[in-house]
C-alpha atoms as a PDB file:
ATOM      1  CA  MET A   1       0.000   0.000   0.000  1.00  0.00           C
ATOM      2  CA  ARG A   2       1.397   3.389  -0.991  1.00  0.00           C
ATOM      3  CA  PHE A   3      -0.098   6.626   0.348  1.00  0.00           C
ATOM      4  CA  ILE A   4       0.437   9.914  -1.494  1.00  0.00           C
ATOM      5  CA  GLY A   5      -0.610  12.756   0.793  1.00  0.00           C
ATOM      6  CA  PRO A   6      -2.288  15.993  -0.213  1.00  0.00           C
ATOM      7  CA  SER A   7      -0.127  18.758  -1.658  1.00  0.00           C
ATOM      8  CA  TYR A   8      -0.544  22.229  -3.087  1.00  0.00           C
ATOM      9  CA  ALA A   9      -1.009  22.443  -6.841  1.00  0.00           C
ATOM     10  CA  ASP A  10       0.031  26.075  -7.309  1.00  0.00           C
ATOM     11  CA  ASP A  11       2.607  28.532  -6.000  1.00  0.00           C
ATOM     12  CA  GLU A  12      -0.035  30.594  -4.157  1.00  0.00           C
ATOM     13  CA  ASN A  13      -1.211  27.540  -2.167  1.00  0.00           C
ATOM     14  CA  THR A  14      -4.827  28.059  -3.214  1.00  0.00           C
ATOM     15  CA  VAL A  15      -5.451  24.743  -4.991  1.00  0.00           C
ATOM     16  CA  ARG A  16      -4.737  21.334  -3.466  1.00  0.00           C
ATOM     17  CA  ASN A  17      -4.128  17.886  -4.914  1.00  0.00           C
ATOM     18  CA  THR A  18      -6.162  15.268  -3.098  1.00  0.00           C
ATOM     19  CA  ALA A  19      -4.572  12.413  -1.184  1.00  0.00           C
ATOM     20  CA  LYS A  20      -4.588   9.001  -2.804  1.00  0.00           C
ATOM     21  CA  THR A  21      -3.801   5.430  -1.815  1.00  0.00           C
ATOM     22  CA  LEU A  22      -2.366   3.052  -4.390  1.00  0.00           C
ATOM     23  CA  TYR A  23      -1.676  -0.656  -4.081  1.00  0.00           C
ATOM     24  CA  ASP A  24       1.455  -2.403  -5.307  1.00  0.00           C
ATOM     25  CA  ALA A  25       2.376  -6.094  -5.221  1.00  0.00           C
ATOM     26  CA  LEU A  26       5.407  -8.346  -5.585  1.00  0.00           C
ATOM     27  CA  ILE A  27       5.710 -12.094  -5.938  1.00  0.00           C
ATOM     28  CA  ALA A  28       9.095 -13.794  -6.108  1.00  0.00           C
ATOM     29  CA  TYR A  29      10.587 -17.254  -6.186  1.00  0.00           C
ATOM     30  CA  ASP A  30      14.136 -18.186  -5.150  1.00  0.00           C
ATOM     31  CA  PHE A  31      15.327 -21.167  -7.216  1.00  0.00           C
ATOM     32  CA  ALA A  32      17.758 -22.180  -4.456  1.00  0.00           C
ATOM     33  CA  ALA A  33      14.690 -23.742  -2.780  1.00  0.00           C
ATOM     34  CA  ILE A  34      14.768 -26.413  -5.524  1.00  0.00           C
ATOM     35  CA  ASP A  35      18.497 -27.053  -5.479  1.00  0.00           C
ATOM     36  CA  PRO A  36      21.390 -25.190  -3.797  1.00  0.00           C
ATOM     37  CA  LYS A  37      23.256 -25.061  -7.136  1.00  0.00           C
ATOM     38  CA  PHE A  38      20.712 -22.410  -8.212  1.00  0.00           C
ATOM     39  CA  GLN A  39      21.848 -20.073  -5.408  1.00  0.00           C
ATOM     40  CA  GLY A  40      21.411 -16.457  -6.567  1.00  0.00           C
ATOM     41  CA  LEU A  41      18.757 -17.169  -9.235  1.00  0.00           C
ATOM     42  CA  ARG A  42      15.403 -15.521  -8.617  1.00  0.00           C
ATOM     43  CA  ALA A  43      12.243 -14.853 -10.631  1.00  0.00           C
ATOM     44  CA  GLN A  44       9.863 -12.070  -9.662  1.00  0.00           C
ATOM     45  CA  VAL A  45       6.833 -10.151 -10.869  1.00  0.00           C
ATOM     46  CA  ASN A  46       6.226  -6.577  -9.704  1.00  0.00           C
ATOM     47  CA  ALA A  47       2.891  -4.791 -10.144  1.00  0.00           C
ATOM     48  CA  THR A  48       2.233  -1.110  -9.408  1.00  0.00           C
ATOM     49  CA  ASN A  49      -1.163   0.595  -9.142  1.00  0.00           C
ATOM     50  CA  VAL A  50      -2.771  -2.873  -9.148  1.00  0.00           C
ATOM     51  CA  PHE A  51      -6.356  -1.569  -9.239  1.00  0.00           C
ATOM     52  CA  ASP A  52      -5.497   0.857 -12.095  1.00  0.00           C
ATOM     53  CA  ARG A  53      -6.658   3.921 -10.191  1.00  0.00           C
ATOM     54  CA  SER A  54      -6.782   6.977 -12.433  1.00  0.00           C
ATOM     55  CA  TYR A  55      -5.472  10.187 -10.842  1.00  0.00           C
ATOM     56  CA  THR A  56      -3.783  13.469 -11.679  1.00  0.00           C
ATOM     57  CA  THR A  57      -1.277  15.579  -9.804  1.00  0.00           C
ATOM     58  CA  CYS A  58      -0.935  19.265 -10.582  1.00  0.00           C
ATOM     59  CA  GLN A  59       2.082  21.476  -9.913  1.00  0.00           C
ATOM     60  CA  SER A  60       2.898  25.042 -10.990  1.00  0.00           C
ATOM     61  CA  GLY A  61       0.108  25.224 -13.553  1.00  0.00           C
ATOM     62  CA  TYR A  62       0.740  21.806 -15.139  1.00  0.00           C
ATOM     63  CA  CYS A  63      -1.162  18.593 -14.450  1.00  0.00           C
ATOM     64  CA  TYR A  64       0.266  15.100 -14.837  1.00  0.00           C
ATOM     65  CA  ARG A  65      -1.590  11.809 -15.134  1.00  0.00           C
ATOM     66  CA  GLY A  66      -0.616   9.117 -12.675  1.00  0.00           C
ATOM     67  CA  THR A  67       1.069   5.949 -13.870  1.00  0.00           C
ATOM     68  CA  PRO A  68      -1.476   3.307 -14.904  1.00  0.00           C
ATOM     69  CA  ALA A  69      -1.317  -0.302 -13.722  1.00  0.00           C
ATOM     70  CA  THR A  70       2.055  -1.743 -14.679  1.00  0.00           C
ATOM     71  CA  VAL A  71       3.415  -5.302 -14.454  1.00  0.00           C
ATOM     72  CA  ILE A  72       7.116  -6.123 -14.855  1.00  0.00           C
ATOM     73  CA  GLY A  73       8.640  -9.591 -14.770  1.00  0.00           C
ATOM     74  CA  SER A  74      12.309 -10.198 -13.981  1.00  0.00           C
ATOM     75  CA  LEU A  75      14.732 -13.084 -13.947  1.00  0.00           C
ATOM     76  CA  ILE A  76      17.642 -12.135 -11.686  1.00  0.00           C
ATOM     77  CA  TYR A  77      20.978 -13.774 -11.021  1.00  0.00           C
ATOM     78  CA  ARG A  78      23.257 -12.459  -8.266  1.00  0.00           C
ATOM     79  CA  TRP A  79      26.731 -13.837  -7.740  1.00  0.00           C
END
């Protein structure tokens, strides 16, 4: 769970961005659990903004759309 608190959207502090809560997730598997020779090999999937909440954040007269739901898979080896 990621909380983004309220903030001011302009230099005069007259307009505010609302607070928002976004949900992220991670699932990973360490291949060393199968066999110790796979020590350092890991697979993982990261997801951000899981529920695809649409939001904007404004600053100094410009507004930006929030990042949509994103999923990234990785195969990692650390030695």
